[in-house]
Protein backbone atom coordinates (compact mmCIF):
# COMPACT_ATOMS: atom_id res chain seq x y z
CA MET A 1 50.91 12.72 -18.80
CA ARG A 2 51.40 12.81 -14.80
CA SER A 3 47.73 13.24 -15.19
CA ASN A 4 46.83 10.77 -17.22
CA ASN A 5 49.18 8.24 -15.05
CA THR A 6 46.75 9.43 -12.03
CA LYS A 7 43.91 9.39 -13.24
CA LYS A 8 44.65 5.77 -14.90
CA ARG A 9 45.92 4.27 -11.42
CA THR A 10 42.51 6.11 -10.17
CA SER A 11 40.04 4.11 -11.96
CA SER A 12 42.33 0.56 -11.50
CA GLU A 13 42.37 1.02 -8.25
CA THR A 14 38.67 1.55 -7.82
CA LEU A 15 38.08 -1.50 -10.23
CA ASP A 16 40.18 -3.55 -7.81
CA TRP A 17 38.53 -2.24 -4.63
CA LEU A 18 35.08 -3.31 -6.45
CA SER A 19 36.37 -6.53 -7.47
CA GLU A 20 37.58 -7.04 -3.65
CA GLU A 21 34.58 -6.44 -2.52
CA LEU A 22 32.26 -8.61 -4.35
CA LYS A 23 35.02 -11.25 -4.78
CA SER A 24 32.60 -13.57 -2.77
CA SER A 25 29.66 -12.89 -4.94
CA LEU A 26 29.39 -16.22 -7.33
CA ASP A 27 27.66 -14.02 -9.97
CA LEU A 28 30.20 -11.43 -9.65
CA VAL A 29 31.53 -10.80 -14.00
CA GLN A 30 35.07 -9.16 -14.69
CA LYS A 31 34.89 -9.24 -18.54
CA PRO A 32 37.94 -7.69 -20.77
CA LEU A 33 36.67 -6.32 -24.39
CA HIS A 34 39.64 -6.31 -26.89
CA MET A 35 39.73 -5.73 -30.58
CA ASP A 36 42.84 -4.30 -32.38
CA GLU A 37 44.06 -1.30 -30.04
CA LYS A 38 40.55 -0.99 -28.69
CA HIS A 39 40.39 -2.02 -24.86
CA ALA A 40 37.50 -1.88 -22.31
CA GLU A 41 36.56 -3.65 -19.51
CA LEU A 42 33.26 -4.97 -17.78
CA LEU A 43 32.24 -5.34 -14.14
CA TYR A 44 28.50 -6.56 -13.26
CA ILE A 45 26.77 -8.51 -11.07
CA LYS A 46 24.89 -10.96 -13.94
CA THR A 47 21.97 -11.94 -11.85
CA VAL A 48 21.09 -8.90 -11.72
CA VAL A 49 21.98 -7.49 -15.28
CA ASP A 50 20.00 -7.64 -18.18
CA GLU A 51 22.74 -9.44 -20.43
CA VAL A 52 20.72 -9.15 -23.45
CA GLN A 53 20.25 -5.57 -23.10
CA LEU A 54 24.03 -4.92 -22.20
CA HIS A 55 25.21 -6.84 -25.17
CA GLN A 56 23.11 -4.71 -27.49
CA LEU A 57 24.11 -1.58 -25.53
CA VAL A 58 27.79 -1.60 -24.94
CA ILE A 59 29.20 -5.02 -26.48
CA LYS A 60 27.94 -5.23 -29.80
CA PRO A 61 28.66 -1.38 -30.52
CA PHE A 62 32.10 -1.85 -29.17
CA PHE A 63 33.57 -4.04 -31.87
CA GLU A 64 31.07 -2.56 -34.63
CA LEU A 65 32.45 1.43 -33.96
CA GLY A 66 35.56 1.78 -35.94
CA HIS A 67 37.85 3.71 -33.44
CA ILE A 68 38.21 3.49 -29.40
CA GLN A 69 37.03 7.53 -29.49
CA HIS A 70 33.71 6.78 -31.48
CA VAL A 71 32.99 4.05 -28.53
CA GLU A 72 33.60 6.53 -25.59
CA SER A 73 31.81 9.01 -27.17
CA TYR A 74 28.72 6.91 -27.98
CA LEU A 75 28.77 5.60 -24.56
CA ASN A 76 28.56 8.91 -22.96
CA SER A 77 25.68 9.53 -25.38
CA LEU A 78 23.28 6.77 -23.83
CA PRO A 79 20.51 7.74 -21.64
CA ASN A 80 20.67 5.27 -19.04
CA GLN A 81 24.43 6.60 -18.21
CA GLN A 82 24.53 7.59 -14.36
CA GLU A 83 26.53 10.54 -12.61
CA ILE A 84 29.79 8.63 -10.64
CA THR A 85 29.96 10.38 -7.05
CA SER A 86 32.20 7.80 -5.16
CA LYS A 87 33.36 3.92 -5.09
CA GLU A 88 30.32 3.50 -2.31
CA GLN A 89 27.96 4.90 -4.78
CA ILE A 90 29.13 2.70 -7.46
CA LEU A 91 29.03 -0.28 -5.11
CA LEU A 92 25.37 0.50 -4.27
CA GLU A 93 24.13 0.77 -7.63
CA MET A 94 26.05 -2.39 -9.22
CA THR A 95 24.16 -4.34 -6.63
CA LYS A 96 20.77 -2.66 -8.32
CA GLY A 97 21.66 -3.86 -11.47
CA SER A 98 24.31 -0.98 -13.15
CA VAL A 99 27.40 -2.21 -14.99
CA ILE A 100 30.89 -0.32 -14.87
CA VAL A 101 32.86 0.29 -18.21
CA ALA A 102 36.51 0.96 -17.56
CA ILE A 103 37.66 2.52 -21.21
CA ARG A 104 40.32 4.84 -22.06
CA ASP A 105 41.38 5.47 -18.15
CA ASP A 106 37.48 6.52 -17.53
CA LEU A 107 34.99 4.65 -15.52
CA LEU A 108 31.18 4.68 -17.12
CA LEU A 109 28.46 3.64 -15.34
CA PHE A 110 25.08 2.64 -16.95
CA ASP A 111 22.09 1.71 -15.67
CA ILE A 112 20.80 -1.77 -17.14
CA LYS A 113 19.11 -3.71 -14.41
CA LYS A 114 16.88 -6.71 -15.12
CA VAL A 115 13.62 -5.88 -13.84
CA ASN A 116 11.34 -9.30 -13.54
CA THR A 117 8.39 -7.54 -11.55
CA ASP A 118 7.19 -4.98 -14.34
CA THR A 119 4.21 -6.81 -14.98
CA VAL A 120 0.58 -5.21 -14.24
CA ILE A 121 -1.91 -7.15 -12.90
CA GLN A 122 -5.71 -7.45 -12.19
CA THR A 123 -6.78 -5.56 -9.29
CA ILE A 124 -7.00 -8.01 -6.59
CA ILE A 125 -8.08 -5.90 -3.51
CA GLU A 126 -10.50 -3.09 -4.99
CA PRO A 127 -12.31 -4.89 -8.09
CA THR A 128 -14.79 -2.34 -9.51
CA ILE A 129 -17.26 -3.27 -12.16
CA GLN A 130 -16.78 -0.80 -14.66
CA GLY A 131 -13.80 0.70 -13.98
CA PRO A 132 -10.51 0.01 -15.04
CA GLN A 133 -9.22 -3.57 -14.07
CA LEU A 134 -5.18 -3.39 -14.18
CA SER A 135 -3.34 -2.23 -11.01
CA LEU A 136 -0.04 -1.29 -10.24
CA SER A 137 3.07 -3.43 -10.49
CA GLU A 138 6.05 -4.20 -8.65
CA ASP A 139 8.08 -1.92 -10.23
CA ILE A 140 8.67 1.62 -9.52
CA THR A 141 9.59 2.85 -13.39
CA THR A 142 6.41 0.90 -14.49
CA ASN A 143 4.42 2.67 -11.86
CA ILE A 144 5.66 5.95 -12.97
CA ASN A 145 4.82 5.54 -16.21
CA ILE A 146 1.38 4.17 -15.42
CA ILE A 147 0.47 6.81 -13.42
CA ARG A 148 1.75 9.81 -16.31
CA GLN A 149 0.05 7.96 -18.62
CA ARG A 150 -3.24 8.60 -16.78
CA TYR A 151 -2.53 12.02 -15.91
CA HIS A 152 -0.93 14.51 -18.72
CA LYS A 153 -0.15 17.78 -17.06
CA PRO A 154 2.83 19.17 -16.94
CA SER A 155 2.81 20.24 -13.34
CA LEU A 156 3.23 16.74 -12.14
CA THR A 157 6.32 16.15 -9.99
CA VAL A 158 7.94 12.92 -9.70
CA GLU A 159 10.76 13.42 -6.59
CA MET A 160 13.22 10.28 -5.52
CA MET A 161 14.91 9.45 -2.64
CA GLU A 162 16.09 5.90 -1.10
CA ILE A 163 14.70 4.46 1.94
CA GLY A 164 16.10 1.23 4.38
CA GLU A 165 19.44 1.55 5.65
CA LYS A 166 20.48 -1.72 4.30
CA THR A 167 18.14 -2.47 1.63
CA HIS A 168 17.99 1.25 -0.12
CA GLN A 169 14.77 0.30 -1.83
CA SER A 170 13.69 3.78 -3.92
CA LEU A 171 11.00 5.75 -2.98
CA ALA A 172 9.02 7.88 -5.42
CA ILE A 173 6.98 11.16 -4.10
CA ILE A 174 4.37 12.33 -6.44
CA PHE A 175 2.28 15.00 -6.72
CA ASP A 176 0.56 18.00 -8.62
CA GLU A 177 2.54 21.14 -8.05
CA GLU A 178 -0.50 23.85 -8.80
CA VAL A 179 -2.63 21.92 -6.26
CA VAL A 180 -0.87 20.34 -3.67
CA LEU A 181 -0.71 22.02 0.00
CA LYS A 182 2.69 22.94 0.48
CA ASP A 183 2.84 22.37 3.97
CA VAL A 184 1.45 19.00 4.16
CA LEU A 185 3.80 18.20 1.50
CA GLU A 186 6.69 19.73 3.50
CA THR A 187 5.30 17.30 6.41
CA ILE A 188 5.56 14.38 4.47
CA LYS A 189 8.78 15.07 3.19
CA GLU A 190 10.23 15.42 6.74
CA LYS A 191 8.51 12.35 8.30
CA LEU A 192 10.04 10.42 5.25
CA LYS A 193 13.25 11.56 5.78
CA SER A 194 12.99 10.71 9.78
CA ILE A 195 12.43 7.36 9.29
CA ASN A 196 15.38 4.86 8.08
CA PRO A 197 14.63 1.60 9.27
CA PRO A 198 17.13 -1.58 8.17
CA ILE A 199 14.71 -3.37 5.79
CA ILE A 200 11.10 -2.15 4.29
CA GLN A 201 9.54 -4.28 2.21
CA SER A 202 5.91 -3.08 1.25
CA THR A 203 3.79 0.33 2.01
CA THR A 204 1.78 -1.06 4.01
CA GLU A 205 5.35 -1.29 6.34
CA LEU A 206 5.88 2.15 5.30
CA HIS A 207 2.19 3.49 6.54
CA ARG A 208 2.58 2.04 9.61
CA LEU A 209 6.57 3.53 10.17
CA MET A 210 4.93 7.21 8.71
CA ASN A 211 2.20 7.65 11.84
CA ASP A 212 3.47 9.20 14.68
CA LYS A 213 0.56 7.58 16.61
CA LYS A 214 1.99 4.12 16.53
CA ARG A 215 -0.93 2.69 18.60
CA SER A 216 -3.60 4.99 16.64
CA LEU A 217 -6.82 3.23 15.53
CA MET A 218 -7.73 4.57 12.75
CA PRO A 219 -5.23 4.71 9.19
CA ILE A 220 -4.66 8.78 8.55
CA MET A 221 -3.01 7.30 5.12
CA MET A 222 -5.04 4.77 2.42
CA VAL A 223 -3.07 2.54 1.17
CA THR A 224 -4.62 1.39 -2.34
CA GLU A 225 -3.56 -0.83 -5.92
CA ARG A 226 -5.90 1.20 -7.93
CA THR A 227 -4.37 3.54 -10.56
CA ASP A 228 -7.58 5.52 -11.01
CA ARG A 229 -7.79 6.33 -7.29
CA VAL A 230 -4.74 7.39 -7.78
CA VAL A 231 -5.22 9.76 -10.27
CA TYR A 232 -8.27 11.29 -8.66
CA ASN A 233 -6.33 11.92 -5.44
CA LEU A 234 -3.39 13.26 -7.43
CA ALA A 235 -6.09 15.51 -9.21
CA SER A 236 -7.45 16.68 -5.57
CA GLY A 237 -4.38 17.49 -4.18
CA LYS A 238 -3.19 14.87 -2.02
CA VAL A 239 0.45 13.36 -2.60
CA ALA A 240 1.10 9.48 -3.60
CA ILE A 241 3.92 7.36 -2.37
CA LEU A 242 5.48 4.82 -4.38
CA LEU A 243 7.86 2.16 -2.96
CA ASP A 244 10.00 -0.13 -5.35
CA GLY A 245 8.62 -3.99 -4.88
CA SER A 246 5.80 -3.09 -3.28
CA HIS A 247 2.30 -3.17 -6.08
CA SER A 248 0.52 -0.41 -3.94
CA THR A 249 1.15 3.24 -3.31
CA VAL A 250 0.08 5.42 -0.14
CA LEU A 251 -1.99 8.47 -0.23
CA ALA A 252 -1.86 11.18 2.38
CA PRO A 253 -3.49 13.27 3.69
CA THR A 254 -6.23 11.33 3.86
CA VAL A 255 -9.98 11.91 5.90
CA PHE A 256 -12.62 9.59 6.92
CA PHE A 257 -14.82 9.91 3.96
CA ASP A 258 -12.09 8.88 1.51
CA PHE A 259 -11.90 5.39 2.91
CA MET A 260 -15.99 5.06 2.52
CA THR A 261 -15.49 6.41 -1.27
CA SER A 262 -15.55 3.26 -4.08
CA MET A 263 -14.20 4.12 -7.35
CA ASP A 264 -17.64 2.60 -8.70
CA ASP A 265 -18.96 5.94 -7.29
CA GLN A 266 -17.32 7.71 -10.52
CA TYR A 267 -18.93 5.75 -12.70
CA SER A 268 -22.41 4.56 -11.91
CA SER A 269 -24.96 7.42 -12.20
CA TYR A 270 -26.18 9.84 -9.55
CA TRP A 271 -28.57 8.13 -7.80
CA VAL A 272 -27.19 4.65 -8.43
CA THR A 273 -23.90 6.32 -6.10
CA LYS A 274 -26.18 7.87 -3.69
CA LEU A 275 -27.77 4.83 -2.92
CA LEU A 276 -24.67 2.75 -2.75
CA LYS A 277 -23.15 5.48 -0.23
CA PHE A 278 -26.04 4.92 1.86
CA LEU A 279 -26.09 1.04 1.98
CA ARG A 280 -22.01 1.64 2.79
CA TYR A 281 -22.56 3.97 5.41
CA LEU A 282 -25.84 1.73 6.96
CA GLY A 283 -23.60 -0.89 6.55
CA LEU A 284 -20.60 0.53 8.77
CA PHE A 285 -23.17 1.53 11.43
CA SER A 286 -24.81 -1.99 11.72
CA CYS A 287 -21.44 -4.01 12.18
CA LEU A 288 -20.60 -1.18 14.60
CA THR A 289 -24.02 -1.35 16.82
CA LEU A 290 -25.52 -4.46 16.23
CA PRO A 291 -23.44 -6.53 18.49
CA GLY A 292 -23.90 -3.75 21.19
CA VAL A 293 -27.84 -3.45 20.41
CA TYR A 294 -27.98 -7.27 20.92
CA VAL A 295 -26.06 -7.59 24.47
CA ALA A 296 -28.19 -4.24 25.26
CA THR A 297 -31.98 -5.29 24.58
CA THR A 298 -31.68 -8.86 25.48
CA SER A 299 -29.75 -8.12 29.48
CA TYR A 300 -30.48 -4.89 29.76
CA ASN A 301 -33.25 -2.99 27.64
CA PRO A 302 -35.68 -5.72 26.33
CA GLU A 303 -38.74 -2.90 26.87
CA VAL A 304 -37.17 -1.15 23.42
CA PHE A 305 -39.01 -4.13 21.25
CA ARG A 306 -42.49 -5.09 21.15
CA VAL A 307 -43.83 -7.72 23.49
CA GLU A 308 -43.77 -10.35 20.61
CA LEU A 309 -40.04 -9.76 19.67
CA ALA A 310 -38.77 -9.49 22.84
CA LEU A 311 -40.49 -13.01 23.87
CA SER A 312 -39.08 -14.58 20.58
CA PHE A 313 -35.57 -13.06 21.45
CA ALA A 314 -35.71 -14.46 24.79
CA GLY A 315 -37.43 -17.58 23.28
CA SER A 316 -34.34 -18.55 21.00
CA ARG A 317 -32.10 -18.61 24.17
CA ILE A 318 -33.65 -21.45 26.14
CA GLY A 319 -31.13 -23.51 26.97
CA VAL A 320 -27.88 -21.49 26.25
CA PRO A 321 -26.14 -21.66 29.55
CA TYR A 322 -24.58 -18.22 29.53
CA SER A 323 -25.03 -14.52 29.29
CA SER A 324 -25.61 -12.69 26.24
CA PHE A 325 -22.03 -10.88 26.37
CA ILE A 326 -20.40 -14.42 26.31
CA GLU A 327 -22.47 -15.71 23.29
CA VAL A 328 -21.97 -12.64 20.95
CA LEU A 329 -18.21 -12.43 22.00
CA PHE A 330 -17.82 -16.38 21.45
CA MET A 331 -19.85 -15.96 18.18
CA LEU A 332 -17.52 -13.02 17.12
CA ILE A 333 -14.46 -14.85 17.62
CA ILE A 334 -15.43 -17.60 15.40
CA MET A 335 -16.39 -14.96 12.61
CA GLU A 336 -12.99 -13.78 12.78
CA LEU A 337 -11.48 -17.29 12.79
CA LEU A 338 -12.88 -18.11 9.87
CA THR A 339 -12.17 -14.78 8.27
CA GLU A 340 -8.52 -14.82 9.10
CA ALA A 341 -8.73 -18.60 7.25
CA SER A 342 -9.94 -17.76 4.05
CA ILE A 343 -7.15 -15.54 3.94
CA ARG A 344 -4.69 -17.68 4.58
CA LEU A 345 -5.87 -21.03 3.16
CA PRO A 346 -4.76 -21.59 -0.61
CA LYS A 347 -7.05 -20.11 -2.93
CA ALA A 348 -8.12 -23.63 -4.16
CA VAL A 349 -9.47 -24.62 -1.07
CA ALA A 350 -10.31 -21.31 0.97
CA GLY A 351 -13.76 -20.79 -0.25
CA THR A 352 -15.26 -23.96 0.21
CA ALA A 353 -13.13 -24.52 3.26
CA THR A 354 -14.26 -21.37 5.15
CA THR A 355 -18.11 -21.96 3.91
CA VAL A 356 -18.79 -25.62 5.15
CA GLY A 357 -16.67 -24.92 8.05
CA GLY A 358 -19.36 -22.05 8.84
CA LEU A 359 -22.42 -24.03 8.07
CA ILE A 360 -21.18 -26.94 10.24
CA LEU A 361 -20.47 -24.82 13.18
CA GLY A 362 -23.66 -22.34 13.03
CA THR A 363 -25.47 -25.86 13.22
CA ALA A 364 -23.82 -27.51 15.48
CA ALA A 365 -23.61 -24.26 17.74
CA THR A 366 -27.50 -23.90 17.27
CA GLU A 367 -28.26 -27.57 18.28
CA ALA A 368 -25.93 -27.56 21.10
CA ALA A 369 -27.72 -24.84 22.97
CA LEU A 370 -24.15 -22.69 22.82
CA ALA A 371 -25.87 -19.92 20.54
CA SER A 372 -29.22 -18.51 19.66
CA ASN A 373 -30.90 -18.94 16.26
CA VAL A 374 -31.15 -15.05 16.49
CA MET A 375 -27.29 -14.74 17.48
CA LEU A 376 -26.30 -16.44 14.27
CA ILE A 377 -28.48 -14.12 11.61
CA LEU A 378 -26.86 -11.28 13.70
CA VAL A 379 -23.22 -12.28 13.09
CA GLN A 380 -23.73 -13.05 9.26
CA ALA A 381 -25.54 -9.78 9.36
CA VAL A 382 -22.18 -7.75 10.75
CA ALA A 383 -20.23 -9.96 8.83
CA ILE A 384 -21.46 -9.31 5.68
CA SER A 385 -21.97 -5.22 6.66
CA THR A 386 -18.31 -5.16 7.43
CA PHE A 387 -17.05 -6.48 3.53
CA VAL A 388 -18.91 -3.58 2.48
CA ILE A 389 -16.58 -1.28 3.75
CA PRO A 390 -13.85 -0.54 0.78
CA ILE A 391 -11.14 -0.20 2.03
CA ASN A 392 -9.35 -2.87 3.70
CA GLU A 393 -7.53 -0.24 6.37
CA MET A 394 -10.84 1.29 7.48
CA SER A 395 -12.73 -2.38 7.57
CA PHE A 396 -9.89 -3.88 10.14
CA ALA A 397 -10.20 -0.59 12.16
CA ILE A 398 -14.10 -0.77 12.61
CA ARG A 399 -13.66 -4.14 13.54
CA VAL A 400 -11.71 -3.11 16.50
CA VAL A 401 -14.15 -0.79 17.67
CA ARG A 402 -17.07 -3.13 17.22
CA TYR A 403 -15.52 -4.93 20.41
CA ILE A 404 -14.79 -1.93 22.19
CA LEU A 405 -18.51 -0.69 21.81
CA LEU A 406 -19.52 -4.20 22.88
CA VAL A 407 -17.76 -3.83 25.89
CA PHE A 408 -19.54 -0.34 26.68
CA ALA A 409 -22.83 -1.73 26.01
CA SER A 410 -22.10 -5.24 28.35
CA PHE A 411 -21.82 -2.88 31.31
CA GLY A 412 -24.43 -0.19 30.57
CA GLY A 413 -26.90 -1.30 28.04
CA LEU A 414 -28.07 1.00 25.47
CA ALA A 415 -27.09 4.03 27.37
CA GLY A 416 -23.29 2.41 27.45
CA LEU A 417 -23.47 1.69 24.03
CA VAL A 418 -24.72 5.53 23.01
CA LEU A 419 -21.98 6.40 25.45
CA GLY A 420 -19.39 4.49 23.35
CA LEU A 421 -20.46 5.85 20.22
CA ILE A 422 -19.93 9.24 21.54
CA GLY A 423 -16.56 8.59 22.69
CA THR A 424 -15.59 7.29 19.10
CA LEU A 425 -17.14 10.27 17.72
CA MET A 426 -14.90 12.80 19.83
CA TYR A 427 -12.22 10.70 19.21
CA LEU A 428 -12.50 10.98 15.29
CA THR A 429 -13.00 14.77 15.78
CA GLN A 430 -9.63 15.25 17.35
CA LEU A 431 -7.50 12.98 14.63
CA GLU A 432 -5.34 14.95 11.68
CA SER A 433 -3.91 13.71 8.88
CA PHE A 434 -0.72 15.66 8.34
CA GLY A 435 -2.09 18.52 9.60
CA GLU A 436 -5.70 18.09 7.95
CA PRO A 437 -8.67 17.59 9.98
CA TYR A 438 -10.05 13.87 10.07
CA PHE A 439 -13.70 14.92 9.58
CA LYS A 440 -13.07 17.19 6.64
CA ILE A 441 -15.42 16.78 3.58
CA PRO A 442 -12.70 15.49 0.51
CA LEU A 443 -12.43 18.17 -1.97
CA GLN A 444 -13.00 17.59 -5.75
CA SER A 445 -10.39 17.91 -7.84
CA LYS A 446 -11.65 21.88 -9.15
CA GLU A 447 -11.97 22.83 -5.43
CA ALA A 448 -8.59 21.50 -4.83
CA GLU A 449 -7.42 23.91 -7.39
CA THR A 450 -9.75 26.81 -6.38
CA ARG A 451 -8.41 26.56 -2.81
CA ARG A 452 -4.73 26.15 -3.86
CA SER A 453 -5.03 29.57 -5.97
CA SER A 454 -6.17 31.42 -3.17
CA LEU A 455 -3.86 30.87 -0.72
């Protein structure tokens, strides 16, 4: 009898403490349920709770079942019941959408959250022609469901944790137990445990926090929205990290060649894939070197061209009042501004505004002798080549490297440009992604499984 009274007093004190902590919230609901000799009490925050589901799972059965013991047995059998460890944990779960049910001196906690972000949208950042067109959503449960529907293997493992001192965002670590590299997996887990920012809103922010070298030029993890890319990389032994509230996922470890791979490569024929890859690497080389080559050949090494071509270049620069370096830098900055404007402007006017702005600026610049016609052609070629790179993180990094090589070419001509390229290659060769060399050839799923079994 004394233990029952103690238990009743403890549950009542916990409810009072929760009500006191949330008393300033206008959306707090404390609702008693009474019928004959059956009594229960609900405590929840109505703006994060699915009240339709609450009525179907809790309130309606309470009035339909005959005895309070039947009600308690029914509630204890619900699959969405959560374990209670402390009153602080109850308070945190209530802010996420859980409901407290006080019945027969017991407190039961149920996850009945309202989810408005589980809509699966079409791929926007990484479109394909023949591949799946749906990406991830902003609900972590929906994303895990999508991945499991595409990866039917018992060894697929999902580990959950929380990150963010204030937001307590749910985070899922997904990997294939049979092919994942254990040392890489442990490194990723330790890194996630070591970072605990107050607020984290997206996987791109998580990507930045997980990088030890905060000023690293190249990305060592991949952020993707495509479910087929996630599944393909899981089968290759990589780890996927999902964050609740973000429609993209982080893949690690990644190497340089992963960023130059489009999912269309998996769906096209052999020779078409080889042609697309060749064009992709040609675009990479072009956007890196064309500005530097223009400066080097017009200012230092015109002898590398045929006489007619060198004279054509020189003739196009007649009237331009400054050096080729300033000319290239001016036009590249204009191109960067147009690119940023196309991202920030509303979609209804972005395309028209940037296209018209580019045409007007280009025509005005040549007529005012601020840039040569050859320079306009080169800038357009550089812009198109940059957009060929499939992954945005690598595309942004290449845009930065392009300016570094431009500076080398402006000081040393073609020799300086070559020296800058060699330095870039040396920098890439010493990079690592969670212990994996950055220039390592990516493994296919069968190769990864063979390697894992041999370890």
